[in-house]
Amino acid sequence: MTDLQNRGVNDILITCVDALVGFSEVINTIYPKIAVQLCIMHQIRHSIKYVASKHHKTLMSDLKPVYKAVSRDAEIDALEFQSI
């Protein structure tokens, strides 16, 4: 991040990161206005470890309409449909 700053990058709007411990804090230290978001695939990988392996396939098929939604409203609709 310091290298980016040294090369003249003054501001970053948003960044998508993996679950590397401390990386978000480093980014926020150098670019305090940045929005840091965890990658959807990393979120899924982190969450799926709490689900029995025999249910992984079902969970992934249920999540697909949620993470592929084109808008927040579509995402909420997909979540509500899955919870029925």
N, C-alpha and C. Protein backbone atom coordinates (compact mmCIF):
# COMPACT_ATOMS: atom_id res chain seq x y z
N MET A 1 0.83 -1.19 0.00
CA MET A 1 0.00 0.00 0.00
C MET A 1 0.87 1.25 0.00
N THR A 2 1.95 1.19 0.75
CA THR A 2 2.87 2.34 0.78
C THR A 2 3.46 2.56 -0.61
N ASP A 3 3.74 1.47 -1.34
CA ASP A 3 4.28 1.59 -2.69
C ASP A 3 3.28 2.30 -3.61
N LEU A 4 2.01 1.97 -3.49
CA LEU A 4 0.99 2.67 -4.28
C LEU A 4 0.98 4.16 -3.96
N GLN A 5 1.04 4.47 -2.68
CA GLN A 5 1.05 5.86 -2.25
C GLN A 5 2.30 6.57 -2.78
N ASN A 6 3.43 5.92 -2.73
CA ASN A 6 4.68 6.51 -3.22
C ASN A 6 4.65 6.73 -4.73
N ARG A 7 3.87 5.92 -5.44
CA ARG A 7 3.76 6.08 -6.89
C ARG A 7 2.71 7.11 -7.29
N GLY A 8 2.09 7.76 -6.29
CA GLY A 8 1.20 8.87 -6.60
C GLY A 8 -0.28 8.60 -6.47
N VAL A 9 -0.67 7.42 -6.01
CA VAL A 9 -2.09 7.15 -5.81
C VAL A 9 -2.53 7.87 -4.55
N ASN A 10 -3.37 8.89 -4.72
CA ASN A 10 -3.77 9.73 -3.60
C ASN A 10 -5.06 9.28 -2.93
N ASP A 11 -5.93 8.62 -3.68
CA ASP A 11 -7.22 8.24 -3.12
C ASP A 11 -7.73 6.99 -3.82
N ILE A 12 -8.33 6.10 -3.07
CA ILE A 12 -8.97 4.91 -3.60
C ILE A 12 -10.38 4.89 -3.04
N LEU A 13 -11.36 4.66 -3.89
CA LEU A 13 -12.76 4.68 -3.46
C LEU A 13 -13.14 3.40 -2.71
N ILE A 14 -12.85 2.25 -3.31
CA ILE A 14 -13.24 0.97 -2.72
C ILE A 14 -12.19 -0.08 -3.04
N THR A 15 -12.03 -1.02 -2.13
CA THR A 15 -11.13 -2.13 -2.38
C THR A 15 -11.80 -3.41 -1.93
N CYS A 16 -11.52 -4.47 -2.64
CA CYS A 16 -12.04 -5.80 -2.31
C CYS A 16 -10.85 -6.64 -1.90
N VAL A 17 -10.89 -7.18 -0.70
CA VAL A 17 -9.73 -7.90 -0.15
C VAL A 17 -10.11 -9.31 0.25
N ASP A 18 -9.08 -10.14 0.45
CA ASP A 18 -9.31 -11.47 1.00
C ASP A 18 -9.30 -11.37 2.52
N ALA A 19 -9.28 -12.47 3.18
CA ALA A 19 -9.39 -12.48 4.63
C ALA A 19 -8.04 -12.38 5.33
N LEU A 20 -7.04 -11.84 4.68
CA LEU A 20 -5.71 -11.71 5.26
C LEU A 20 -5.78 -10.81 6.50
N VAL A 21 -5.37 -11.34 7.63
CA VAL A 21 -5.46 -10.62 8.90
C VAL A 21 -4.62 -9.34 8.86
N GLY A 22 -5.24 -8.23 9.21
CA GLY A 22 -4.55 -6.96 9.31
C GLY A 22 -4.49 -6.14 8.03
N PHE A 23 -4.84 -6.76 6.89
CA PHE A 23 -4.72 -6.05 5.61
C PHE A 23 -5.68 -4.86 5.55
N SER A 24 -6.91 -5.04 6.01
CA SER A 24 -7.89 -3.95 6.00
C SER A 24 -7.41 -2.77 6.84
N GLU A 25 -6.80 -3.07 7.98
CA GLU A 25 -6.31 -2.01 8.86
C GLU A 25 -5.17 -1.23 8.20
N VAL A 26 -4.30 -1.93 7.51
CA VAL A 26 -3.19 -1.27 6.80
C VAL A 26 -3.74 -0.35 5.72
N ILE A 27 -4.70 -0.85 4.96
CA ILE A 27 -5.32 -0.05 3.90
C ILE A 27 -5.95 1.21 4.50
N ASN A 28 -6.70 1.04 5.59
CA ASN A 28 -7.36 2.19 6.22
C ASN A 28 -6.37 3.17 6.82
N THR A 29 -5.22 2.71 7.22
CA THR A 29 -4.19 3.61 7.76
C THR A 29 -3.67 4.54 6.68
N ILE A 30 -3.44 4.00 5.49
CA ILE A 30 -2.87 4.80 4.40
C ILE A 30 -3.95 5.58 3.65
N TYR A 31 -5.10 4.96 3.46
CA TYR A 31 -6.22 5.59 2.76
C TYR A 31 -7.45 5.57 3.69
N PRO A 32 -7.57 6.52 4.60
CA PRO A 32 -8.62 6.47 5.63
C PRO A 32 -10.05 6.59 5.11
N LYS A 33 -10.26 7.12 3.91
CA LYS A 33 -11.62 7.28 3.39
C LYS A 33 -12.08 6.08 2.57
N ILE A 34 -11.24 5.09 2.41
CA ILE A 34 -11.53 3.95 1.55
C ILE A 34 -12.60 3.04 2.15
N ALA A 35 -13.41 2.45 1.30
CA ALA A 35 -14.38 1.44 1.73
C ALA A 35 -13.75 0.08 1.45
N VAL A 36 -13.56 -0.70 2.50
CA VAL A 36 -12.95 -2.02 2.36
C VAL A 36 -14.05 -3.07 2.41
N GLN A 37 -14.07 -3.92 1.41
CA GLN A 37 -15.10 -4.94 1.32
C GLN A 37 -14.43 -6.30 1.20
N LEU A 38 -14.95 -7.29 1.90
CA LEU A 38 -14.42 -8.64 1.82
C LEU A 38 -14.98 -9.33 0.57
N CYS A 39 -14.12 -9.96 -0.17
CA CYS A 39 -14.49 -10.67 -1.40
C CYS A 39 -15.60 -11.69 -1.11
N ILE A 40 -16.60 -11.75 -1.99
CA ILE A 40 -17.74 -12.65 -1.78
C ILE A 40 -17.29 -14.10 -1.70
N MET A 41 -16.31 -14.50 -2.49
CA MET A 41 -15.86 -15.88 -2.44
C MET A 41 -15.21 -16.19 -1.09
N HIS A 42 -14.47 -15.24 -0.55
CA HIS A 42 -13.88 -15.44 0.77
C HIS A 42 -14.95 -15.49 1.86
N GLN A 43 -15.98 -14.69 1.70
CA GLN A 43 -17.08 -14.73 2.67
C GLN A 43 -17.77 -16.09 2.65
N ILE A 44 -18.00 -16.61 1.44
CA ILE A 44 -18.64 -17.92 1.31
C ILE A 44 -17.75 -19.01 1.89
N ARG A 45 -16.47 -18.99 1.54
CA ARG A 45 -15.54 -20.00 2.07
C ARG A 45 -15.47 -19.96 3.59
N HIS A 46 -15.49 -18.76 4.15
CA HIS A 46 -15.46 -18.63 5.60
C HIS A 46 -16.75 -19.17 6.23
N SER A 47 -17.88 -18.91 5.60
CA SER A 47 -19.17 -19.32 6.14
C SER A 47 -19.43 -20.81 5.99
N ILE A 48 -18.99 -21.40 4.89
CA ILE A 48 -19.33 -22.79 4.60
C ILE A 48 -18.68 -23.77 5.57
N LYS A 49 -17.64 -23.34 6.25
CA LYS A 49 -16.99 -24.26 7.20
C LYS A 49 -17.89 -24.56 8.40
N TYR A 50 -18.96 -23.79 8.58
CA TYR A 50 -19.91 -24.03 9.66
C TYR A 50 -21.09 -24.91 9.24
N VAL A 51 -21.05 -25.40 8.00
CA VAL A 51 -22.12 -26.22 7.45
C VAL A 51 -21.59 -27.63 7.23
N ALA A 52 -22.38 -28.62 7.57
CA ALA A 52 -21.98 -30.01 7.34
C ALA A 52 -21.70 -30.23 5.86
N SER A 53 -20.66 -30.98 5.56
CA SER A 53 -20.23 -31.16 4.17
C SER A 53 -21.34 -31.74 3.29
N LYS A 54 -22.22 -32.54 3.84
CA LYS A 54 -23.30 -33.11 3.03
C LYS A 54 -24.30 -32.04 2.58
N HIS A 55 -24.26 -30.86 3.20
CA HIS A 55 -25.18 -29.77 2.83
C HIS A 55 -24.50 -28.68 1.98
N HIS A 56 -23.23 -28.82 1.67
CA HIS A 56 -22.50 -27.79 0.91
C HIS A 56 -23.15 -27.51 -0.44
N LYS A 57 -23.49 -28.56 -1.17
CA LYS A 57 -24.05 -28.39 -2.51
C LYS A 57 -25.38 -27.62 -2.44
N THR A 58 -26.23 -27.97 -1.48
CA THR A 58 -27.51 -27.28 -1.32
C THR A 58 -27.30 -25.83 -0.95
N LEU A 59 -26.40 -25.58 -0.01
CA LEU A 59 -26.11 -24.21 0.40
C LEU A 59 -25.63 -23.37 -0.77
N MET A 60 -24.71 -23.92 -1.55
CA MET A 60 -24.17 -23.17 -2.68
C MET A 60 -25.26 -22.86 -3.71
N SER A 61 -26.14 -23.82 -3.96
CA SER A 61 -27.21 -23.54 -4.92
C SER A 61 -28.21 -22.52 -4.37
N ASP A 62 -28.41 -22.52 -3.06
CA ASP A 62 -29.29 -21.53 -2.44
C ASP A 62 -28.66 -20.13 -2.44
N LEU A 63 -27.34 -20.07 -2.30
CA LEU A 63 -26.65 -18.77 -2.25
C LEU A 63 -26.47 -18.13 -3.62
N LYS A 64 -26.41 -18.94 -4.66
CA LYS A 64 -26.13 -18.42 -5.99
C LYS A 64 -27.05 -17.26 -6.40
N PRO A 65 -28.37 -17.36 -6.25
CA PRO A 65 -29.23 -16.23 -6.63
C PRO A 65 -28.97 -14.97 -5.79
N VAL A 66 -28.46 -15.17 -4.59
CA VAL A 66 -28.19 -14.03 -3.72
C VAL A 66 -26.94 -13.29 -4.20
N TYR A 67 -25.82 -13.99 -4.38
CA TYR A 67 -24.59 -13.29 -4.76
C TYR A 67 -24.52 -12.94 -6.23
N LYS A 68 -25.45 -13.44 -7.04
CA LYS A 68 -25.50 -13.03 -8.45
C LYS A 68 -26.59 -12.00 -8.72
N ALA A 69 -27.24 -11.53 -7.67
CA ALA A 69 -28.31 -10.54 -7.83
C ALA A 69 -27.77 -9.25 -8.43
N VAL A 70 -28.57 -8.62 -9.27
CA VAL A 70 -28.13 -7.42 -9.97
C VAL A 70 -28.35 -6.14 -9.16
N SER A 71 -29.13 -6.24 -8.09
CA SER A 71 -29.39 -5.07 -7.26
C SER A 71 -29.63 -5.52 -5.82
N ARG A 72 -29.64 -4.56 -4.94
CA ARG A 72 -29.89 -4.89 -3.53
C ARG A 72 -31.30 -5.45 -3.34
N ASP A 73 -32.26 -4.87 -4.05
CA ASP A 73 -33.63 -5.37 -3.95
C ASP A 73 -33.74 -6.81 -4.43
N ALA A 74 -33.07 -7.12 -5.54
CA ALA A 74 -33.07 -8.50 -6.05
C ALA A 74 -32.39 -9.44 -5.06
N GLU A 75 -31.36 -8.96 -4.41
CA GLU A 75 -30.66 -9.77 -3.40
C GLU A 75 -31.58 -10.06 -2.22
N ILE A 76 -32.29 -9.05 -1.76
CA ILE A 76 -33.23 -9.23 -0.64
C ILE A 76 -34.35 -10.18 -1.03
N ASP A 77 -34.86 -10.05 -2.26
CA ASP A 77 -35.89 -10.97 -2.74
C ASP A 77 -35.37 -12.40 -2.75
N ALA A 78 -34.14 -12.59 -3.20
CA ALA A 78 -33.54 -13.93 -3.24
C ALA A 78 -33.37 -14.49 -1.84
N LEU A 79 -32.94 -13.65 -0.91
CA LEU A 79 -32.79 -14.09 0.48
C LEU A 79 -34.13 -14.48 1.08
N GLU A 80 -35.14 -13.67 0.83
CA GLU A 80 -36.47 -13.97 1.37
C GLU A 80 -37.04 -15.24 0.75
N PHE A 81 -36.80 -15.46 -0.53
CA PHE A 81 -37.28 -16.67 -1.19
C PHE A 81 -36.62 -17.90 -0.59
N GLN A 82 -35.31 -17.81 -0.30
CA GLN A 82 -34.58 -18.95 0.24
C GLN A 82 -35.01 -19.29 1.66
N SER A 83 -35.53 -18.32 2.39
CA SER A 83 -35.90 -18.57 3.78
C SER A 83 -37.33 -19.10 3.94
N ILE A 84 -38.03 -19.25 2.83
CA ILE A 84 -39.42 -19.76 2.89
C ILE A 84 -39.40 -21.24 3.18
